[in-house]
Amino acid sequence: MKKISLVLIGIFLMSVLAPSAYAATDTVIYSGYLYDNEFIFVGPYALALTDYKDRLASFMVLEGTAPVGPLGVYISEGESLRVNDITINLIDVSKVGVNIIIKGPVGYKIGRSQYEFVIKEVKTNPLNVEPGDAFDLEILISNQGSMKAYNLKASLTVPPAGAVVPFMPENTSDSVYIGDLEARTEKILSFKLRANEKITAGNYPMVLVLYFYDGSTPFPRPYTIQFGLRVSGRTEIMVVNFSSAPENIRPGNENVKIKVNLANQGTESAKFVKATLDPKEPFSLSKSYESSYNVGTLSGGQSKEAEFLINVGKDAKKMTYTVPMTVEYRDSSNNLIKEEFVLNLDIKGKPDLEITEYRLVPETVRAGGSAKIYLTIVNKGEEKAESIIVEAIERSEQPFDFTSKNDYIGVLEPGQKAEVVLSTDVKSIAEEKTYQLNLRIRAVGDKEKQDLNVYLFQRNIDIPVQKTSSNLVLGLIIGIIVVLLIGGYFVYNNYIKKK
């Protein structure tokens, strides 16, 4: 037994006197296993430890009767450690303890720590993590110490930010088993996380705790590394709703005001928000320069309105039209973002009154006479027409003197028709030609469908006017008389007078 003890002491003293034989640093304090009668060095770092029976043995550094520090305390590179007593407790395989006490002050030059772990790189997929996103986190760690770490396991913890935990494991554990990690080697740790929807943009601290065995104790040692993870603010611009004034848009409406409610349903502000309307037929902008509307800044959860004025073509049909709208803004990283939206504008129907046929009584209208004009009115529109009045427009240059220049129909459903009658006298001085008569048809929309618009339709018909027969006879007689007079004068002048 004494022989074994002396061998161990000798080995230890050799390590103190000639440390370079056992390590690449200037460290002269070692811990070690006692196994199969051999003391195997696994240092170099200062460590305090009592014996653990027959499984391993090590020593603790004492100053007087108190240990310099607890197990695992590192001494910075280049520091000098001076102690008065070094006590070594060695337990051999025969379970008989041996105490060796070395007296004296002894100076020690401490080299690089035995274990030093560094995070060299942190990656996320997707690259930009936004609130509510699930993402993969990859951490590249490096063992930059001088010793191998055994059975390494990494545990990820996230300190709360106020009342909110920024990140939570996504269907997986927050711990990863690595295994042994040699000195000067690297390892990628992978975690699946989800960012809390309630967090805002910013850097959030995270803690990586590494648990490993160093061969000096049967218990794992912790090693803590802090790092930060950047969260990009989530901007989510949505068209919440839109309205129009008037509420019911109909063909022919002008200066229809469209109000679009834009909301940022994300957590980060959208800056320089601008909405641009791109109307197609049958729509047009009331003023071309009003195609864009500057909204300004939309903070997370905030909403604002963009306004536009448009005209609706008279030929628009009763249907739902789509109007493209583009919203562009800059996010928290000053990236220009463009998003496309579509507004569905519902165009209501309107009446459309046409003159499909007409007839004149008498069929031949003569100057100096009178005539009745029979008009067939048809509603070719999509909505009912009410309070319909057909009216002739008198013009001073036309030879018509209306004795009944308007007629009333009442109501025409879509597809229905009705006949109206107008009466006129034709002036005797009327020229023999075709006159174009202008007619105005006035109607009110379907009140049951809140269409209180007044619709005016301008229509034209042709009325050919001829001279009367009595005028023709008179003209013929006068012509004959003129011819006879001219002929008589010629005969008299050339024959009778010469005799």
Protein backbone atom coordinates (compact mmCIF):
# COMPACT_ATOMS: atom_id res chain seq x y z
CA MET A 1 0.00 0.00 0.00
CA LYS A 2 2.79 2.40 0.88
CA LYS A 3 4.44 1.52 -2.40
CA ILE A 4 1.32 2.49 -4.38
CA SER A 5 0.99 5.74 -2.44
CA LEU A 6 4.61 6.68 -3.03
CA VAL A 7 4.22 6.03 -6.76
CA LEU A 8 1.17 8.33 -6.89
CA ILE A 9 2.93 11.03 -4.91
CA GLY A 10 5.87 10.78 -7.21
CA ILE A 11 3.68 11.15 -10.24
CA PHE A 12 1.98 14.18 -8.71
CA LEU A 13 5.29 15.82 -7.71
CA MET A 14 6.58 15.26 -11.23
CA SER A 15 3.50 17.00 -12.56
CA VAL A 16 4.21 19.98 -10.32
CA LEU A 17 7.90 20.14 -11.17
CA ALA A 18 7.57 19.34 -14.88
CA PRO A 19 4.08 20.24 -16.06
CA SER A 20 5.05 20.54 -19.72
CA ALA A 21 5.41 16.78 -19.87
CA TYR A 22 1.70 16.37 -19.32
CA ALA A 23 0.05 19.41 -20.95
CA ALA A 24 0.53 21.95 -23.65
CA THR A 25 0.16 24.87 -21.25
CA ASP A 26 2.08 26.17 -18.24
CA THR A 27 -0.55 24.96 -15.86
CA VAL A 28 0.84 22.95 -12.96
CA ILE A 29 -2.38 21.96 -11.23
CA TYR A 30 -4.10 18.83 -12.42
CA SER A 31 -7.05 16.69 -11.55
CA GLY A 32 -7.12 13.03 -12.40
CA TYR A 33 -8.60 9.55 -12.21
CA LEU A 34 -7.31 6.81 -9.98
CA TYR A 35 -8.02 3.70 -11.98
CA ASP A 36 -6.14 0.39 -12.15
CA ASN A 37 -3.47 1.83 -9.89
CA GLU A 38 -2.73 4.67 -12.30
CA PHE A 39 -3.18 8.37 -11.78
CA ILE A 40 -4.30 9.71 -15.20
CA PHE A 41 -4.09 13.49 -15.66
CA VAL A 42 -7.10 15.18 -17.21
CA GLY A 43 -6.39 18.88 -16.16
CA PRO A 44 -5.32 21.75 -16.67
CA TYR A 45 -7.43 23.99 -14.49
CA ALA A 46 -7.63 24.72 -10.80
CA LEU A 47 -10.37 22.73 -9.17
CA ALA A 48 -11.65 22.00 -5.67
CA LEU A 49 -12.91 18.51 -5.03
CA THR A 50 -12.96 15.96 -2.24
CA ASP A 51 -12.61 12.28 -2.86
CA TYR A 52 -15.32 10.09 -4.39
CA LYS A 53 -14.33 6.75 -2.91
CA ASP A 54 -12.83 4.30 -5.31
CA ARG A 55 -14.12 5.81 -8.56
CA LEU A 56 -11.91 8.83 -8.90
CA ALA A 57 -9.54 10.95 -6.96
CA SER A 58 -8.46 14.55 -7.29
CA PHE A 59 -7.20 17.36 -5.11
CA MET A 60 -8.41 20.71 -3.92
CA VAL A 61 -6.44 23.90 -3.62
CA LEU A 62 -6.60 25.29 -0.10
CA GLU A 63 -5.59 28.54 1.45
CA GLY A 64 -5.39 27.82 5.12
CA THR A 65 -8.44 25.64 5.75
CA ALA A 66 -10.78 27.21 3.18
CA PRO A 67 -10.89 26.27 -0.49
CA VAL A 68 -9.92 29.00 -2.93
CA GLY A 69 -13.12 28.46 -4.94
CA PRO A 70 -15.84 25.91 -5.68
CA LEU A 71 -15.54 23.19 -8.21
CA GLY A 72 -15.34 24.48 -11.75
CA VAL A 73 -14.17 28.03 -11.00
CA TYR A 74 -11.78 29.13 -13.73
CA ILE A 75 -8.68 31.21 -13.19
CA SER A 76 -8.04 33.71 -15.95
CA GLU A 77 -5.14 33.13 -18.26
CA GLY A 78 -1.96 34.75 -16.92
CA GLU A 79 -3.09 34.99 -13.28
CA SER A 80 -0.81 33.90 -10.43
CA LEU A 81 -2.28 31.68 -7.76
CA ARG A 82 -0.42 31.47 -4.42
CA VAL A 83 -1.54 29.03 -1.75
CA ASN A 84 -0.04 27.87 1.50
CA ASP A 85 -1.19 24.26 1.61
CA ILE A 86 -2.09 21.77 -1.09
CA THR A 87 -3.96 18.73 0.18
CA ILE A 88 -4.31 15.70 -2.07
CA ASN A 89 -6.76 12.97 -1.20
CA LEU A 90 -6.06 9.79 -3.12
CA ILE A 91 -8.16 6.67 -2.90
CA ASP A 92 -6.66 3.50 -4.26
CA VAL A 93 -8.50 0.42 -5.47
CA SER A 94 -8.18 -1.19 -2.05
CA LYS A 95 -10.45 1.63 -0.73
CA VAL A 96 -7.79 2.80 1.71
CA GLY A 97 -7.45 6.56 1.77
CA VAL A 98 -4.03 8.24 1.71
CA ASN A 99 -3.53 11.92 2.68
CA ILE A 100 -0.53 13.76 1.30
CA ILE A 101 0.11 17.33 2.44
CA ILE A 102 2.53 19.58 0.63
CA LYS A 103 3.65 22.60 2.65
CA GLY A 104 4.95 25.76 1.62
CA PRO A 105 4.02 28.78 -0.39
CA VAL A 106 3.94 27.64 -4.05
CA GLY A 107 3.49 29.91 -7.09
CA TYR A 108 1.49 28.65 -10.06
CA LYS A 109 1.22 30.07 -13.58
CA ILE A 110 -2.27 29.32 -14.85
CA GLY A 111 -2.68 28.80 -18.59
CA ARG A 112 -5.71 28.62 -20.87
CA SER A 113 -8.92 27.23 -19.39
CA GLN A 114 -9.53 23.61 -19.88
CA TYR A 115 -12.98 24.22 -21.40
CA GLU A 116 -14.15 27.25 -23.34
CA PHE A 117 -17.25 27.15 -25.57
CA VAL A 118 -18.06 29.87 -28.10
CA ILE A 119 -21.09 30.48 -30.34
CA LYS A 120 -19.55 31.18 -33.73
CA GLU A 121 -22.74 31.59 -35.79
CA VAL A 122 -26.51 31.80 -35.36
CA LYS A 123 -28.83 31.16 -38.34
CA THR A 124 -32.61 31.15 -38.72
CA ASN A 125 -34.81 29.74 -41.46
CA PRO A 126 -36.60 31.81 -42.64
CA LEU A 127 -33.89 34.44 -42.52
CA ASN A 128 -36.21 37.14 -41.16
CA VAL A 129 -38.18 35.96 -38.15
CA GLU A 130 -41.46 37.78 -37.62
CA PRO A 131 -43.93 37.61 -34.73
CA GLY A 132 -46.00 34.43 -34.97
CA ASP A 133 -43.54 32.68 -37.31
CA ALA A 134 -42.32 29.13 -36.82
CA PHE A 135 -38.63 28.91 -37.63
CA ASP A 136 -35.56 26.70 -37.45
CA LEU A 137 -32.68 27.91 -35.27
CA GLU A 138 -29.14 26.67 -35.93
CA ILE A 139 -26.32 27.46 -33.52
CA LEU A 140 -22.71 26.67 -34.39
CA ILE A 141 -20.73 26.10 -31.18
CA SER A 142 -17.01 25.58 -30.90
CA ASN A 143 -14.99 23.96 -28.12
CA GLN A 144 -12.05 26.34 -28.01
CA GLY A 145 -10.68 24.89 -24.79
CA SER A 146 -7.88 22.38 -24.50
CA MET A 147 -9.88 19.38 -23.29
CA LYS A 148 -12.54 17.08 -24.60
CA ALA A 149 -16.08 17.52 -23.24
CA TYR A 150 -17.92 14.26 -22.59
CA ASN A 151 -21.65 13.60 -23.11
CA LEU A 152 -22.39 17.20 -24.00
CA LYS A 153 -26.03 18.30 -23.94
CA ALA A 154 -27.37 21.76 -24.84
CA SER A 155 -30.45 23.33 -23.30
CA LEU A 156 -32.03 26.50 -24.71
CA THR A 157 -33.83 28.89 -22.38
CA VAL A 158 -35.57 32.17 -23.25
CA PRO A 159 -35.94 34.86 -20.59
CA PRO A 160 -39.40 36.49 -20.61
CA ALA A 161 -39.79 39.98 -22.06
CA GLY A 162 -42.14 41.50 -19.54
CA ALA A 163 -45.15 39.20 -19.32
CA VAL A 164 -44.44 37.56 -22.68
CA VAL A 165 -42.08 34.68 -23.50
CA PRO A 166 -40.66 35.64 -26.91
CA PHE A 167 -40.00 32.11 -28.22
CA MET A 168 -41.41 28.67 -27.48
CA PRO A 169 -40.36 25.20 -28.68
CA GLU A 170 -42.33 24.10 -31.73
CA ASN A 171 -43.43 20.49 -31.24
CA THR A 172 -40.03 19.51 -29.88
CA SER A 173 -37.80 19.65 -26.84
CA ASP A 174 -35.72 22.66 -25.91
CA SER A 175 -32.71 20.36 -25.34
CA VAL A 176 -30.33 18.73 -27.81
CA TYR A 177 -27.91 15.87 -27.10
CA ILE A 178 -24.52 16.41 -28.73
CA GLY A 179 -22.29 13.69 -27.36
CA ASP A 180 -18.52 14.06 -26.98
CA LEU A 181 -16.94 17.25 -28.34
CA GLU A 182 -13.19 17.24 -28.84
CA ALA A 183 -11.10 20.34 -28.28
CA ARG A 184 -10.94 22.66 -31.29
CA THR A 185 -13.99 21.11 -32.93
CA GLU A 186 -17.43 22.49 -33.83
CA LYS A 187 -20.97 21.27 -33.75
CA ILE A 188 -24.29 22.59 -35.13
CA LEU A 189 -27.23 22.59 -32.73
CA SER A 190 -30.74 22.65 -34.23
CA PHE A 191 -33.96 23.80 -32.57
CA LYS A 192 -37.50 24.39 -33.82
CA LEU A 193 -39.14 27.44 -32.31
CA ARG A 194 -42.11 29.74 -32.78
CA ALA A 195 -42.02 33.48 -32.17
CA ASN A 196 -44.77 34.84 -29.96
CA GLU A 197 -47.38 36.82 -31.92
CA LYS A 198 -47.42 39.55 -29.28
CA ILE A 199 -43.76 40.56 -29.47
CA THR A 200 -42.53 43.55 -31.43
CA ALA A 201 -39.42 44.01 -33.54
CA GLY A 202 -36.12 43.99 -31.70
CA ASN A 203 -33.33 41.85 -30.27
CA TYR A 204 -34.29 39.25 -27.68
CA PRO A 205 -31.77 37.57 -25.33
CA MET A 206 -31.48 33.80 -25.28
CA VAL A 207 -29.42 31.52 -23.07
CA LEU A 208 -27.67 28.35 -24.17
CA VAL A 209 -26.61 26.13 -21.27
CA LEU A 210 -24.16 23.34 -22.05
CA TYR A 211 -23.99 20.38 -19.66
CA PHE A 212 -20.98 18.08 -19.95
CA TYR A 213 -18.65 15.75 -18.01
CA ASP A 214 -14.99 16.57 -17.61
CA GLY A 215 -13.85 13.37 -15.93
CA SER A 216 -13.27 14.95 -12.52
CA THR A 217 -16.70 14.30 -10.98
CA PRO A 218 -19.65 12.01 -11.60
CA PHE A 219 -21.82 15.12 -12.06
CA PRO A 220 -22.27 17.23 -15.22
CA ARG A 221 -20.84 20.72 -15.32
CA PRO A 222 -22.86 23.67 -16.68
CA TYR A 223 -21.49 26.24 -19.11
CA THR A 224 -23.70 29.23 -19.93
CA ILE A 225 -23.56 31.33 -23.12
CA GLN A 226 -25.86 34.25 -23.83
CA PHE A 227 -26.74 35.51 -27.30
CA GLY A 228 -29.40 37.62 -28.96
CA LEU A 229 -31.94 36.84 -31.68
CA ARG A 230 -33.31 39.53 -33.97
CA VAL A 231 -37.04 39.66 -34.68
CA SER A 232 -38.22 41.66 -37.66
CA GLY A 233 -41.46 43.54 -37.20
CA ARG A 234 -44.36 42.01 -39.10
CA THR A 235 -46.25 44.45 -41.27
CA GLU A 236 -49.50 43.11 -42.71
CA ILE A 237 -51.51 45.63 -44.71
CA MET A 238 -55.10 44.61 -45.33
CA VAL A 239 -58.16 46.20 -46.96
CA VAL A 240 -60.60 45.94 -44.08
CA ASN A 241 -63.55 47.43 -45.96
CA PHE A 242 -64.49 50.13 -48.44
CA SER A 243 -67.56 52.26 -49.11
CA SER A 244 -68.93 54.53 -51.81
CA ALA A 245 -70.96 57.72 -51.91
CA PRO A 246 -73.56 57.32 -53.28
CA GLU A 247 -73.96 53.91 -51.75
CA ASN A 248 -75.65 52.52 -54.86
CA ILE A 249 -73.42 53.14 -57.88
CA ARG A 250 -75.21 53.32 -61.22
CA PRO A 251 -74.15 53.80 -64.82
CA GLY A 252 -73.42 57.42 -65.60
CA ASN A 253 -72.65 58.45 -62.02
CA GLU A 254 -69.90 61.05 -61.75
CA ASN A 255 -67.57 61.96 -58.87
CA VAL A 256 -68.35 58.79 -56.95
CA LYS A 257 -66.29 58.88 -53.74
CA ILE A 258 -64.58 55.59 -52.91
CA LYS A 259 -63.27 55.27 -49.33
CA VAL A 260 -60.87 52.37 -48.69
CA ASN A 261 -60.06 51.42 -45.09
CA LEU A 262 -56.46 50.18 -44.85
CA ALA A 263 -55.32 48.46 -41.64
CA ASN A 264 -51.91 47.27 -40.47
CA GLN A 265 -52.68 43.98 -38.77
CA GLY A 266 -49.00 43.33 -38.04
CA THR A 267 -46.87 44.43 -35.10
CA GLU A 268 -44.43 46.75 -36.86
CA SER A 269 -45.10 50.17 -38.40
CA ALA A 270 -45.45 50.60 -42.16
CA LYS A 271 -43.99 53.93 -43.29
CA PHE A 272 -44.78 56.11 -46.31
CA VAL A 273 -47.93 54.14 -47.11
CA LYS A 274 -49.40 55.12 -50.49
CA ALA A 275 -52.48 53.63 -52.17
CA THR A 276 -52.87 53.85 -55.96
CA LEU A 277 -56.12 53.11 -57.81
CA ASP A 278 -55.96 51.84 -61.40
CA PRO A 279 -59.54 51.94 -62.76
CA LYS A 280 -60.40 50.32 -66.08
CA GLU A 281 -63.47 50.67 -68.30
CA PRO A 282 -66.23 51.52 -67.49
CA PHE A 283 -64.55 53.57 -64.74
CA SER A 284 -62.30 56.58 -64.96
CA LEU A 285 -60.73 58.91 -62.44
CA SER A 286 -62.53 62.22 -61.99
CA LYS A 287 -59.10 63.86 -62.02
CA SER A 288 -56.11 62.00 -63.38
CA TYR A 289 -53.72 63.32 -60.74
CA GLU A 290 -55.84 61.83 -57.97
CA SER A 291 -54.93 58.23 -58.75
CA SER A 292 -52.74 58.03 -55.58
CA TYR A 293 -53.52 58.79 -51.96
CA ASN A 294 -50.79 59.22 -49.33
CA VAL A 295 -51.82 57.49 -46.11
CA GLY A 296 -48.60 58.19 -44.15
CA THR A 297 -47.51 55.86 -41.35
CA LEU A 298 -49.60 52.91 -40.21
CA SER A 299 -48.52 51.62 -36.82
CA GLY A 300 -49.26 48.04 -35.80
CA GLY A 301 -53.01 47.69 -35.24
CA GLN A 302 -53.78 51.10 -36.76
CA SER A 303 -56.12 51.83 -39.71
CA LYS A 304 -56.62 54.82 -42.01
CA GLU A 305 -58.76 55.67 -45.04
CA ALA A 306 -57.68 56.38 -48.60
CA GLU A 307 -60.13 58.34 -50.79
CA PHE A 308 -60.63 58.43 -54.57
CA LEU A 309 -63.13 60.06 -56.96
CA ILE A 310 -64.25 58.11 -60.03
CA ASN A 311 -66.74 58.42 -62.87
CA VAL A 312 -68.88 55.54 -64.09
CA GLY A 313 -69.48 55.12 -67.83
CA LYS A 314 -73.02 55.35 -69.11
CA ASP A 315 -72.64 51.98 -70.79
CA ALA A 316 -71.78 50.17 -67.56
CA LYS A 317 -73.78 47.01 -67.03
CA LYS A 318 -75.52 45.74 -63.95
CA MET A 319 -72.72 43.57 -62.53
CA THR A 320 -69.75 43.50 -60.15
CA TYR A 321 -66.58 45.04 -61.56
CA THR A 322 -63.06 44.65 -60.18
CA VAL A 323 -60.84 47.69 -59.71
CA PRO A 324 -57.09 47.04 -59.08
CA MET A 325 -55.38 48.91 -56.24
CA THR A 326 -51.70 48.89 -55.27
CA VAL A 327 -50.43 49.71 -51.77
CA GLU A 328 -46.73 50.39 -51.32
CA TYR A 329 -44.83 51.15 -48.12
CA ARG A 330 -41.48 50.74 -46.39
CA ASP A 331 -41.01 48.25 -43.55
CA SER A 332 -38.84 48.54 -40.42
CA SER A 333 -35.74 47.64 -42.48
CA ASN A 334 -36.61 50.36 -45.03
CA ASN A 335 -37.42 47.76 -47.69
CA LEU A 336 -39.96 48.92 -50.29
CA ILE A 337 -42.96 46.58 -50.23
CA LYS A 338 -45.72 46.52 -52.85
CA GLU A 339 -48.99 44.65 -52.39
CA GLU A 340 -51.84 44.18 -54.86
CA PHE A 341 -55.52 44.37 -53.89
CA VAL A 342 -58.81 44.26 -55.79
CA LEU A 343 -61.91 46.30 -54.99
CA ASN A 344 -65.21 44.73 -56.06
CA LEU A 345 -67.55 47.53 -57.13
CA ASP A 346 -71.18 46.51 -57.47
CA ILE A 347 -72.92 48.50 -60.22
CA LYS A 348 -76.67 48.65 -59.90
CA GLY A 349 -79.00 48.63 -62.90
CA LYS A 350 -80.82 51.64 -64.38
CA PRO A 351 -83.65 52.11 -66.85
CA ASP A 352 -82.76 52.70 -70.50
CA LEU A 353 -85.63 54.05 -72.59
CA GLU A 354 -85.50 53.81 -76.37
CA ILE A 355 -87.86 54.72 -79.24
CA THR A 356 -88.04 51.50 -81.20
CA GLU A 357 -90.58 52.65 -83.81
CA TYR A 358 -92.79 55.57 -84.76
CA ARG A 359 -95.50 56.42 -87.31
CA LEU A 360 -97.06 59.61 -88.65
CA VAL A 361 -100.78 60.23 -89.24
CA PRO A 362 -101.32 61.26 -91.95
CA GLU A 363 -98.51 59.27 -93.39
CA THR A 364 -97.53 62.20 -95.60
CA VAL A 365 -97.02 65.37 -93.65
CA ARG A 366 -97.62 68.53 -95.70
CA ALA A 367 -96.91 72.17 -95.07
CA GLY A 368 -99.95 73.95 -93.75
CA GLY A 369 -101.39 70.72 -92.42
CA SER A 370 -101.27 68.88 -89.09
CA ALA A 371 -99.97 65.52 -87.92
CA LYS A 372 -100.02 63.09 -85.07
CA ILE A 373 -96.78 61.37 -84.07
CA TYR A 374 -97.12 57.89 -82.52
CA LEU A 375 -93.99 56.76 -80.59
CA THR A 376 -93.29 53.27 -79.21
CA ILE A 377 -91.13 53.53 -76.01
CA VAL A 378 -89.31 50.40 -74.73
CA ASN A 379 -87.38 50.01 -71.44
CA LYS A 380 -84.20 48.20 -72.49
CA GLY A 381 -82.50 48.74 -69.13
CA GLU A 382 -82.11 46.46 -66.07
CA GLU A 383 -84.34 48.42 -63.68
CA LYS A 384 -87.86 49.74 -63.64
CA ALA A 385 -88.57 53.28 -64.89
CA GLU A 386 -91.21 55.36 -63.17
CA SER A 387 -93.00 58.64 -63.97
CA ILE A 388 -92.03 58.57 -67.64
CA ILE A 389 -92.71 61.71 -69.68
CA VAL A 390 -92.00 61.99 -73.42
CA GLU A 391 -91.63 65.56 -74.64
CA ALA A 392 -90.98 67.19 -78.04
CA ILE A 393 -88.39 69.94 -78.05
CA GLU A 394 -89.58 72.89 -80.13
CA ARG A 395 -87.02 74.78 -82.16
CA SER A 396 -87.63 78.13 -83.81
CA GLU A 397 -86.04 77.10 -87.09
CA GLN A 398 -88.45 74.19 -87.48
CA PRO A 399 -92.02 74.59 -88.88
CA PHE A 400 -93.74 72.68 -86.08
CA ASP A 401 -96.31 74.21 -83.75
CA PHE A 402 -97.18 71.50 -81.21
CA THR A 403 -100.70 71.39 -79.87
CA SER A 404 -99.68 68.46 -77.63
CA LYS A 405 -95.95 68.30 -77.17
CA ASN A 406 -95.69 65.74 -74.30
CA ASP A 407 -97.31 62.56 -73.14
CA TYR A 408 -97.13 60.54 -69.88
CA ILE A 409 -96.58 56.80 -69.58
CA GLY A 410 -96.17 56.08 -65.86
CA VAL A 411 -94.14 52.88 -65.27
CA LEU A 412 -92.20 50.58 -67.54
CA GLU A 413 -90.65 47.37 -66.25
CA PRO A 414 -87.52 46.08 -68.00
CA GLY A 415 -88.57 44.80 -71.44
CA GLN A 416 -91.97 46.51 -71.37
CA LYS A 417 -93.15 48.99 -74.03
CA ALA A 418 -95.82 51.65 -74.36
CA GLU A 419 -97.05 54.11 -76.98
CA VAL A 420 -97.32 57.89 -76.69
CA VAL A 421 -98.92 60.44 -79.06
CA LEU A 422 -97.82 63.98 -79.88
CA SER A 423 -99.74 66.43 -82.06
CA THR A 424 -98.40 69.28 -84.20
CA ASP A 425 -99.43 71.77 -86.86
CA VAL A 426 -97.06 72.31 -89.75
CA LYS A 427 -96.56 75.85 -90.88
CA SER A 428 -97.57 76.60 -94.47
CA ILE A 429 -94.21 78.13 -95.15
CA ALA A 430 -92.46 74.91 -94.38
CA GLU A 431 -89.91 73.85 -96.92
CA GLU A 432 -90.22 70.51 -98.56
CA LYS A 433 -87.58 68.50 -96.76
CA THR A 434 -86.95 66.05 -93.88
CA TYR A 435 -86.80 67.62 -90.46
CA GLN A 436 -85.12 65.97 -87.44
CA LEU A 437 -87.36 66.26 -84.40
CA ASN A 438 -85.64 66.17 -80.97
CA LEU A 439 -87.41 64.33 -78.18
CA ARG A 440 -86.64 64.23 -74.46
CA ILE A 441 -87.66 61.23 -72.33
CA ARG A 442 -87.60 61.85 -68.59
CA ALA A 443 -87.91 59.07 -65.99
CA VAL A 444 -87.30 58.37 -62.32
CA GLY A 445 -85.54 55.22 -61.08
CA ASP A 446 -87.04 52.35 -59.11
CA LYS A 447 -87.94 53.85 -55.74
CA GLU A 448 -88.33 50.40 -54.19
CA LYS A 449 -84.59 49.90 -54.79
CA GLN A 450 -83.71 53.35 -53.43
CA ASP A 451 -83.00 54.65 -56.93
CA LEU A 452 -84.13 58.26 -56.70
CA ASN A 453 -82.10 59.38 -59.70
CA VAL A 454 -83.74 61.31 -62.53
CA TYR A 455 -82.77 59.90 -65.94
CA LEU A 456 -82.93 61.98 -69.14
CA PHE A 457 -82.72 60.41 -72.58
CA GLN A 458 -82.33 62.43 -75.79
CA ARG A 459 -83.79 60.75 -78.87
CA ASN A 460 -84.42 61.90 -82.47
CA ILE A 461 -86.88 60.99 -85.26
CA ASP A 462 -87.11 62.14 -88.87
CA ILE A 463 -90.29 63.90 -90.18
CA PRO A 464 -90.42 64.47 -93.96
CA VAL A 465 -92.60 67.48 -94.92
CA GLN A 466 -94.09 67.99 -98.40
CA LYS A 467 -95.87 70.91 -100.03
CA THR A 468 -99.71 70.77 -100.24
CA SER A 469 -101.46 69.81 -103.57
CA SER A 470 -103.34 73.18 -103.86
CA ASN A 471 -100.09 75.02 -103.81
CA LEU A 472 -98.78 72.78 -106.55
CA VAL A 473 -101.79 73.47 -108.80
CA LEU A 474 -101.56 77.18 -108.17
CA GLY A 475 -97.91 77.15 -108.97
CA LEU A 476 -98.60 75.16 -112.14
CA ILE A 477 -101.25 77.68 -113.29
CA ILE A 478 -99.00 80.57 -112.54
CA GLY A 479 -96.24 78.88 -114.46
CA ILE A 480 -98.49 78.30 -117.49
CA ILE A 481 -99.64 81.88 -117.42
CA VAL A 482 -96.07 83.11 -117.29
CA VAL A 483 -95.15 80.86 -120.20
CA LEU A 484 -98.18 82.07 -122.21
CA LEU A 485 -97.38 85.69 -121.53
CA ILE A 486 -93.80 85.25 -122.58
CA GLY A 487 -94.94 83.34 -125.70
CA GLY A 488 -97.58 85.96 -126.57
CA TYR A 489 -95.11 88.75 -126.22
CA PHE A 490 -92.68 86.94 -128.49
CA VAL A 491 -95.38 86.38 -131.20
CA TYR A 492 -96.59 89.94 -130.98
CA ASN A 493 -93.12 91.37 -131.17
CA ASN A 494 -91.98 89.29 -134.09
CA TYR A 495 -95.05 88.90 -136.25
CA ILE A 496 -97.92 91.23 -135.44
CA LYS A 497 -95.92 94.37 -134.83
CA LYS A 498 -93.93 94.01 -138.08
CA LYS A 499 -97.07 93.98 -140.18
